N, C-alpha and C. Protein backbone atom coordinates (compact mmCIF):
# COMPACT_ATOMS: atom_id res chain seq x y z
N MET A 1 2.54 55.53 25.47
CA MET A 1 1.93 55.09 24.18
C MET A 1 1.66 53.55 24.41
N LYS A 2 0.73 53.07 23.88
CA LYS A 2 0.39 51.64 23.95
C LYS A 2 -0.15 51.25 22.57
N ILE A 3 0.58 50.16 21.88
CA ILE A 3 0.07 49.64 20.60
C ILE A 3 -1.04 48.66 20.64
N HIS A 4 -1.95 48.70 20.05
CA HIS A 4 -3.04 47.63 20.08
C HIS A 4 -2.85 46.61 19.06
N ALA A 5 -2.63 47.33 17.88
CA ALA A 5 -2.43 46.37 16.77
C ALA A 5 -1.81 47.03 15.44
N MET A 6 -1.10 46.02 14.63
CA MET A 6 -0.32 46.58 13.53
C MET A 6 -0.77 45.70 12.38
N THR A 7 -0.95 46.17 11.44
CA THR A 7 -1.53 45.45 10.17
C THR A 7 -0.26 46.09 8.86
N ALA A 8 0.13 45.02 8.19
CA ALA A 8 1.18 45.23 7.35
C ALA A 8 1.02 44.54 6.17
N THR A 9 1.67 45.23 5.07
CA THR A 9 2.06 44.78 3.54
C THR A 9 3.59 45.02 3.51
N PHE A 10 4.36 44.20 4.03
CA PHE A 10 5.59 44.65 4.42
C PHE A 10 6.47 43.53 4.08
N GLY A 11 7.50 43.16 3.13
CA GLY A 11 8.16 41.92 3.28
C GLY A 11 7.41 40.58 2.97
N LYS A 12 7.44 39.76 3.89
CA LYS A 12 6.68 38.35 3.93
C LYS A 12 5.32 38.64 4.10
N LEU A 13 4.87 39.79 4.99
CA LEU A 13 3.59 39.95 5.67
C LEU A 13 2.72 40.47 4.36
N GLU A 14 1.61 40.14 4.26
CA GLU A 14 0.76 40.42 3.22
C GLU A 14 -0.64 40.75 3.77
N ASN A 15 -0.87 42.12 4.39
CA ASN A 15 -2.23 42.18 4.90
C ASN A 15 -2.21 41.54 6.32
N GLN A 16 -1.38 41.29 7.05
CA GLN A 16 -1.43 40.58 8.13
C GLN A 16 -1.49 41.43 9.24
N THR A 17 -2.15 41.12 10.47
CA THR A 17 -2.17 41.92 11.49
C THR A 17 -1.91 41.16 12.91
N LEU A 18 -1.07 41.83 13.58
CA LEU A 18 -0.62 41.45 14.92
C LEU A 18 -1.29 42.13 15.84
N THR A 19 -2.07 41.78 16.88
CA THR A 19 -2.64 42.22 17.63
C THR A 19 -1.76 41.81 19.10
N LEU A 20 -1.81 43.19 19.91
CA LEU A 20 -0.90 43.07 21.07
C LEU A 20 -1.99 43.10 22.34
N GLN A 21 -1.44 42.55 23.34
CA GLN A 21 -2.28 42.40 24.44
C GLN A 21 -1.65 43.66 25.79
N PRO A 22 -2.52 43.92 26.52
CA PRO A 22 -1.92 44.81 27.59
C PRO A 22 -0.66 44.15 28.33
N GLY A 23 0.40 44.95 28.86
CA GLY A 23 1.51 44.53 29.30
C GLY A 23 2.58 44.01 28.27
N LEU A 24 3.49 43.24 28.85
CA LEU A 24 4.64 42.65 27.72
C LEU A 24 3.92 41.83 27.02
N ASN A 25 4.53 41.80 25.74
CA ASN A 25 4.08 40.84 24.70
C ASN A 25 5.39 40.23 24.19
N VAL A 26 5.58 38.79 24.46
CA VAL A 26 6.81 38.02 23.98
C VAL A 26 6.52 37.23 22.89
N ILE A 27 7.11 37.31 21.72
CA ILE A 27 6.72 36.72 20.20
C ILE A 27 7.96 35.61 20.19
N SER A 28 7.59 34.22 20.59
CA SER A 28 8.56 33.31 20.31
C SER A 28 7.86 32.26 19.38
N ALA A 29 8.71 32.40 18.09
CA ALA A 29 8.19 31.92 16.98
C ALA A 29 9.49 31.35 16.30
N PRO A 30 9.42 30.22 15.47
CA PRO A 30 10.42 29.83 14.75
C PRO A 30 11.05 30.81 13.93
N ASN A 31 12.24 30.42 13.33
CA ASN A 31 12.73 31.28 12.35
C ASN A 31 12.10 31.57 11.18
N GLU A 32 12.36 32.69 10.44
CA GLU A 32 11.66 32.76 9.26
C GLU A 32 9.97 33.30 9.64
N TRP A 33 9.72 33.43 10.57
CA TRP A 33 8.07 33.72 11.07
C TRP A 33 7.73 35.04 10.82
N GLY A 34 8.56 35.87 11.00
CA GLY A 34 8.47 37.39 10.47
C GLY A 34 8.84 38.24 11.73
N LYS A 35 9.50 37.80 12.76
CA LYS A 35 9.65 38.49 14.09
C LYS A 35 10.37 39.72 13.47
N THR A 36 11.62 39.65 12.82
CA THR A 36 12.29 40.91 12.41
C THR A 36 11.59 41.82 11.46
N THR A 37 10.68 41.14 10.87
CA THR A 37 9.69 41.89 9.60
C THR A 37 9.21 42.88 10.41
N TRP A 38 8.36 42.23 11.48
CA TRP A 38 7.47 43.15 12.36
C TRP A 38 8.24 44.34 13.05
N CYS A 39 9.44 43.97 13.58
CA CYS A 39 10.20 45.03 14.15
C CYS A 39 10.53 46.19 13.36
N THR A 40 10.90 45.73 12.09
CA THR A 40 11.44 46.84 11.11
C THR A 40 10.14 47.37 10.66
N PHE A 41 9.18 46.95 10.57
CA PHE A 41 7.75 47.59 10.19
C PHE A 41 7.47 48.63 11.34
N LEU A 42 7.69 48.11 12.57
CA LEU A 42 7.23 49.10 13.52
C LEU A 42 8.29 50.58 13.62
N VAL A 43 9.40 50.19 13.49
CA VAL A 43 10.40 51.68 13.21
C VAL A 43 9.91 52.22 11.93
N THR A 44 9.62 51.56 10.83
CA THR A 44 9.39 52.21 9.64
C THR A 44 8.12 53.07 9.85
N MET A 45 7.11 52.53 10.55
CA MET A 45 5.81 53.29 10.74
C MET A 45 6.00 54.60 11.42
N LEU A 46 6.75 54.31 12.61
CA LEU A 46 6.92 55.48 13.59
C LEU A 46 7.92 56.39 12.94
N TYR A 47 8.98 56.13 12.18
CA TYR A 47 10.10 57.10 11.92
C TYR A 47 10.18 57.13 10.30
N GLY A 48 9.50 56.39 9.56
CA GLY A 48 9.58 56.44 8.08
C GLY A 48 10.64 55.53 7.62
N LEU A 49 10.80 55.45 6.33
CA LEU A 49 11.65 54.48 5.38
C LEU A 49 12.49 55.54 4.72
N ASP A 50 13.88 55.46 4.89
CA ASP A 50 14.69 56.18 4.18
C ASP A 50 15.04 55.61 2.73
N THR A 51 14.27 56.26 1.86
CA THR A 51 14.37 55.79 0.46
C THR A 51 15.51 56.32 -0.20
N ARG A 52 16.15 56.98 0.45
CA ARG A 52 17.56 57.50 -0.26
C ARG A 52 18.68 56.34 -0.04
N GLU A 53 18.67 55.26 0.89
CA GLU A 53 19.23 54.47 1.35
C GLU A 53 19.82 53.55 0.02
N LYS A 54 21.02 53.26 -0.56
CA LYS A 54 21.28 52.47 -1.63
C LYS A 54 21.90 51.13 -1.29
N THR A 55 21.29 50.22 -2.06
CA THR A 55 22.01 48.74 -1.73
C THR A 55 23.39 48.79 -2.30
N THR A 56 24.36 47.94 -1.37
CA THR A 56 25.70 47.78 -1.78
C THR A 56 25.90 46.32 -1.96
N LYS A 57 27.04 45.91 -2.07
CA LYS A 57 27.43 44.84 -2.13
C LYS A 57 27.28 43.87 -0.90
N ASN A 58 27.35 44.48 0.08
CA ASN A 58 27.24 44.12 1.45
C ASN A 58 25.85 44.28 2.49
N ASN A 59 24.91 45.01 1.59
CA ASN A 59 23.78 45.45 2.39
C ASN A 59 22.60 45.78 1.19
N LEU A 60 21.58 45.21 1.37
CA LEU A 60 20.39 45.53 0.76
C LEU A 60 19.58 46.66 1.35
N ALA A 61 19.20 47.59 0.55
CA ALA A 61 18.56 48.59 1.11
C ALA A 61 17.12 48.12 1.73
N LEU A 62 16.75 48.67 2.87
CA LEU A 62 15.52 48.41 3.46
C LEU A 62 14.57 48.35 2.43
N LYS A 63 14.32 49.28 1.47
CA LYS A 63 13.11 49.43 0.53
C LYS A 63 13.06 48.41 -0.36
N GLU A 64 14.34 47.57 -0.65
CA GLU A 64 14.24 46.58 -1.43
C GLU A 64 14.17 45.36 -0.52
N ARG A 65 14.67 45.13 0.66
CA ARG A 65 14.85 44.19 1.57
C ARG A 65 13.44 43.90 2.03
N TYR A 66 12.49 44.73 2.39
CA TYR A 66 11.16 44.56 2.90
C TYR A 66 10.10 45.09 1.83
N ALA A 67 10.31 44.95 0.39
CA ALA A 67 9.33 45.14 -0.68
C ALA A 67 8.55 44.00 -0.49
N PRO A 68 7.15 43.91 -0.44
CA PRO A 68 6.43 42.88 -0.24
C PRO A 68 6.48 41.80 -1.34
N TRP A 69 6.50 40.82 -0.82
CA TRP A 69 6.75 39.51 -1.67
C TRP A 69 5.67 39.33 -2.71
N SER A 70 4.51 39.75 -2.46
CA SER A 70 3.34 39.74 -3.41
C SER A 70 3.41 40.73 -4.69
N GLY A 71 4.36 41.44 -4.42
CA GLY A 71 4.46 42.74 -5.43
C GLY A 71 3.50 43.62 -5.24
N ALA A 72 2.58 43.63 -4.23
CA ALA A 72 1.75 44.73 -3.92
C ALA A 72 2.52 45.91 -3.12
N PRO A 73 1.91 47.07 -3.34
CA PRO A 73 2.60 48.31 -2.70
C PRO A 73 2.89 47.96 -1.24
N MET A 74 3.90 48.65 -0.55
CA MET A 74 4.33 48.60 0.96
C MET A 74 3.25 49.48 1.64
N SER A 75 2.76 49.06 2.59
CA SER A 75 1.76 49.87 3.23
C SER A 75 1.67 49.31 4.58
N GLY A 76 1.02 50.15 5.76
CA GLY A 76 0.61 49.95 7.17
C GLY A 76 -0.11 50.64 7.66
N ARG A 77 -0.61 49.91 8.79
CA ARG A 77 -1.23 50.83 9.92
C ARG A 77 -1.13 50.43 11.41
N ILE A 78 -0.98 51.30 12.26
CA ILE A 78 -1.11 50.88 13.77
C ILE A 78 -2.20 51.68 14.42
N ASP A 79 -2.69 50.63 15.18
CA ASP A 79 -3.88 51.24 16.08
C ASP A 79 -3.35 51.32 17.47
N LEU A 80 -3.22 52.50 18.18
CA LEU A 80 -2.63 52.80 19.19
C LEU A 80 -3.28 53.70 20.24
N GLU A 81 -2.78 53.70 21.57
CA GLU A 81 -3.33 54.71 22.49
C GLU A 81 -2.30 55.81 22.99
N TRP A 82 -2.49 56.95 22.92
CA TRP A 82 -1.50 57.99 23.21
C TRP A 82 -1.92 59.09 23.70
N ASP A 83 -1.60 59.56 24.98
CA ASP A 83 -2.28 60.65 25.47
C ASP A 83 -3.58 60.58 25.76
N GLY A 84 -4.17 59.37 26.05
CA GLY A 84 -5.46 59.11 26.60
C GLY A 84 -6.42 59.17 25.32
N ARG A 85 -5.59 59.03 24.15
CA ARG A 85 -6.39 59.11 22.76
C ARG A 85 -6.20 57.77 21.92
N ASN A 86 -7.42 57.17 21.26
CA ASN A 86 -6.97 56.12 20.55
C ASN A 86 -6.75 56.81 18.92
N ILE A 87 -5.65 56.40 18.40
CA ILE A 87 -5.22 57.11 17.31
C ILE A 87 -4.80 55.90 16.14
N THR A 88 -4.95 56.20 15.06
CA THR A 88 -4.43 55.36 13.95
C THR A 88 -3.39 56.14 13.35
N ILE A 89 -2.19 55.32 12.90
CA ILE A 89 -1.37 56.05 12.06
C ILE A 89 -1.13 55.08 10.65
N GLU A 90 -0.83 55.44 9.72
CA GLU A 90 -0.92 55.03 8.38
C GLU A 90 0.25 55.42 7.33
N ARG A 91 0.91 54.70 6.90
CA ARG A 91 1.72 54.68 5.88
C ARG A 91 1.37 54.07 4.63
N TRP A 92 1.69 54.62 3.26
CA TRP A 92 1.57 53.73 2.22
C TRP A 92 2.17 54.16 1.09
N THR A 93 2.41 53.37 0.05
CA THR A 93 3.18 53.86 -1.16
C THR A 93 2.49 54.86 -1.96
N LYS A 94 3.07 55.87 -2.50
CA LYS A 94 2.44 56.54 -3.59
C LYS A 94 3.47 56.84 -4.73
N GLY A 95 2.89 56.39 -5.78
CA GLY A 95 4.04 56.46 -7.00
C GLY A 95 5.20 55.64 -6.79
N ARG A 96 6.47 56.16 -6.61
CA ARG A 96 7.71 55.15 -6.57
C ARG A 96 8.37 55.34 -5.09
N THR A 97 7.23 55.98 -4.09
CA THR A 97 8.00 56.19 -2.92
C THR A 97 7.49 55.39 -2.01
N PRO A 98 8.06 54.17 -1.66
CA PRO A 98 7.37 53.32 -0.66
C PRO A 98 7.40 53.89 0.82
N MET A 99 6.15 53.89 1.17
CA MET A 99 5.68 54.53 2.50
C MET A 99 5.79 55.94 2.84
N GLY A 100 5.73 56.63 1.61
CA GLY A 100 5.96 58.14 1.36
C GLY A 100 4.91 58.92 1.84
N GLU A 101 3.62 58.34 1.98
CA GLU A 101 2.41 59.12 2.41
C GLU A 101 2.08 58.58 3.93
N PHE A 102 1.57 59.62 4.64
CA PHE A 102 1.41 59.61 5.94
C PHE A 102 0.15 60.26 6.46
N ARG A 103 -0.74 59.18 7.28
CA ARG A 103 -1.78 59.82 7.79
C ARG A 103 -1.99 59.55 9.20
N ALA A 104 -2.35 60.54 10.20
CA ALA A 104 -2.71 60.27 11.73
C ALA A 104 -4.10 60.78 12.13
N TYR A 105 -4.97 59.64 12.63
CA TYR A 105 -6.11 60.45 12.96
C TYR A 105 -6.73 59.55 14.13
N GLU A 106 -7.57 60.39 14.64
CA GLU A 106 -8.44 59.75 15.81
C GLU A 106 -9.20 58.58 15.34
N THR A 107 -9.16 57.42 15.96
CA THR A 107 -9.52 56.04 15.33
C THR A 107 -11.31 56.25 14.96
N GLU A 108 -11.90 56.70 15.97
CA GLU A 108 -13.33 56.55 16.18
C GLU A 108 -13.97 57.77 15.39
N SER A 109 -13.30 58.96 15.40
CA SER A 109 -13.93 59.98 14.79
C SER A 109 -13.34 60.29 13.44
N GLY A 110 -12.15 59.67 13.04
CA GLY A 110 -11.41 60.01 11.77
C GLY A 110 -10.79 61.58 11.67
N LEU A 111 -10.82 62.23 12.72
CA LEU A 111 -10.41 63.59 12.85
C LEU A 111 -8.75 63.52 12.63
N PRO A 112 -8.18 64.50 11.99
CA PRO A 112 -6.77 64.47 11.93
C PRO A 112 -5.97 64.74 13.30
N VAL A 113 -5.07 64.31 13.58
CA VAL A 113 -4.15 64.45 14.82
C VAL A 113 -2.86 65.33 13.84
N ALA A 114 -3.08 66.52 14.12
CA ALA A 114 -2.49 67.58 13.42
C ALA A 114 -1.00 67.55 13.92
N GLU A 115 -0.75 67.34 15.33
CA GLU A 115 0.63 67.24 15.81
C GLU A 115 1.54 66.39 15.42
N LEU A 116 0.94 65.16 14.61
CA LEU A 116 1.90 64.12 14.07
C LEU A 116 1.72 64.26 12.74
N THR A 117 2.96 64.15 12.19
CA THR A 117 3.30 64.11 10.73
C THR A 117 4.27 62.98 10.42
N GLY A 118 4.66 62.77 8.99
CA GLY A 118 5.23 61.87 8.64
C GLY A 118 6.84 61.76 9.06
N THR A 119 7.08 62.92 9.52
CA THR A 119 8.60 63.18 9.84
C THR A 119 8.74 63.19 11.18
N ASN A 120 7.90 63.68 12.19
CA ASN A 120 7.86 63.77 13.49
C ASN A 120 7.01 62.68 14.23
N CYS A 121 6.46 61.85 13.85
CA CYS A 121 5.54 60.85 14.43
C CYS A 121 6.27 59.93 15.54
N GLY A 122 7.54 59.42 15.33
CA GLY A 122 8.01 58.55 16.15
C GLY A 122 8.67 59.42 17.51
N GLU A 123 9.07 60.69 16.97
CA GLU A 123 9.74 61.47 18.03
C GLU A 123 8.70 62.11 18.96
N ILE A 124 7.41 62.22 18.40
CA ILE A 124 6.45 63.05 19.33
C ILE A 124 5.84 61.83 20.02
N LEU A 125 5.76 60.68 19.54
CA LEU A 125 5.02 59.48 20.21
C LEU A 125 5.92 59.04 21.32
N LEU A 126 7.08 58.91 20.98
CA LEU A 126 8.02 58.22 21.98
C LEU A 126 9.01 59.04 22.86
N GLY A 127 9.00 60.43 22.31
CA GLY A 127 9.86 61.33 23.00
C GLY A 127 11.56 61.27 22.43
N VAL A 128 11.62 60.48 21.56
CA VAL A 128 13.29 60.55 21.13
C VAL A 128 13.22 60.33 19.82
N GLU A 129 14.37 60.71 19.20
CA GLU A 129 14.54 60.74 17.76
C GLU A 129 15.03 59.15 17.40
N ARG A 130 15.02 58.95 16.05
CA ARG A 130 15.28 57.55 15.56
C ARG A 130 16.40 56.85 16.16
N SER A 131 17.59 57.75 16.00
CA SER A 131 18.80 56.91 16.48
C SER A 131 18.70 56.64 17.89
N VAL A 132 18.30 57.36 18.82
CA VAL A 132 18.18 57.11 20.05
C VAL A 132 17.24 56.01 20.51
N PHE A 133 16.15 55.98 19.79
CA PHE A 133 15.24 54.90 19.84
C PHE A 133 15.93 53.38 19.33
N LEU A 134 16.75 53.58 18.41
CA LEU A 134 17.38 52.27 17.89
C LEU A 134 18.53 51.98 18.65
N ARG A 135 19.23 52.99 19.45
CA ARG A 135 20.30 52.40 20.17
C ARG A 135 19.86 52.26 21.93
N SER A 136 18.70 52.66 22.34
CA SER A 136 18.18 52.36 23.50
C SER A 136 16.95 51.51 23.99
N GLY A 137 15.88 51.89 22.88
CA GLY A 137 14.60 51.46 23.41
C GLY A 137 14.17 50.23 22.36
N PHE A 138 15.19 49.92 21.61
CA PHE A 138 14.77 48.96 20.49
C PHE A 138 15.84 48.23 20.17
N LEU A 139 16.40 47.18 20.84
CA LEU A 139 17.54 46.35 20.83
C LEU A 139 17.29 45.09 20.06
N ARG A 140 18.05 45.26 18.93
CA ARG A 140 17.89 43.74 18.13
C ARG A 140 19.08 42.96 18.73
N LEU A 141 18.84 41.50 17.90
CA LEU A 141 19.94 40.65 18.36
C LEU A 141 21.22 41.19 17.58
N ALA A 142 21.14 41.62 16.34
CA ALA A 142 22.21 41.98 15.76
C ALA A 142 23.01 43.04 16.60
N ASP A 143 22.36 43.91 17.18
CA ASP A 143 23.22 44.92 17.94
C ASP A 143 23.70 44.58 19.30
N LEU A 144 23.70 43.02 19.90
CA LEU A 144 24.06 42.54 20.93
C LEU A 144 25.26 41.74 20.82
N PRO A 145 26.26 41.82 19.71
CA PRO A 145 27.40 40.99 19.64
C PRO A 145 28.22 41.13 20.89
N VAL A 146 28.98 39.73 21.17
CA VAL A 146 29.84 39.81 22.43
C VAL A 146 31.08 39.26 21.80
N THR A 147 32.06 40.00 22.10
CA THR A 147 33.47 40.14 21.45
C THR A 147 34.00 39.63 22.45
N ALA A 148 35.27 38.87 22.34
CA ALA A 148 36.31 38.26 23.16
C ALA A 148 36.82 39.58 24.01
N ASP A 149 36.90 39.11 25.24
CA ASP A 149 37.30 40.10 26.09
C ASP A 149 37.99 39.51 27.53
N ASP A 150 39.31 39.90 27.87
CA ASP A 150 39.66 39.48 28.95
C ASP A 150 39.06 39.74 30.15
N ALA A 151 38.48 40.67 30.23
CA ALA A 151 37.65 41.17 31.58
C ALA A 151 36.57 40.24 31.78
N LEU A 152 35.92 39.53 30.61
CA LEU A 152 34.52 39.01 30.65
C LEU A 152 35.13 37.60 31.31
N ARG A 153 36.33 37.12 31.29
CA ARG A 153 36.70 35.71 31.72
C ARG A 153 36.56 35.89 33.11
């Protein structure tokens, strides 16, 4: 799978598009630019948003943390190439369910991609379930803490 572009209304991103080039793309930008927001958006587009997650004293649920600052409904689109086909996936808010609606279609013809659904999209496109992707193919700085260890010395 190759991602060509992502368009998001998600957190601070208001209908913004991130266009990627062939090969490795490195985003080096100042704090608060939106790097983590784009990363969370990508995972949400591929695997959906857990709308059952609750806010606690120590953790703000993703549906609240990434609610669009503008007050607009959460939505997004990814244009990608998969298995030799140009495909667009879209998620949008319907009613009170953020990113609860899903559509996958061939970008040029608009024909549905029946094998992709809102629940299996990431697993089909990447070949792994969400937990595996988050622990192996999508490493965040927060997942890389280094703790004191005598063996490291």
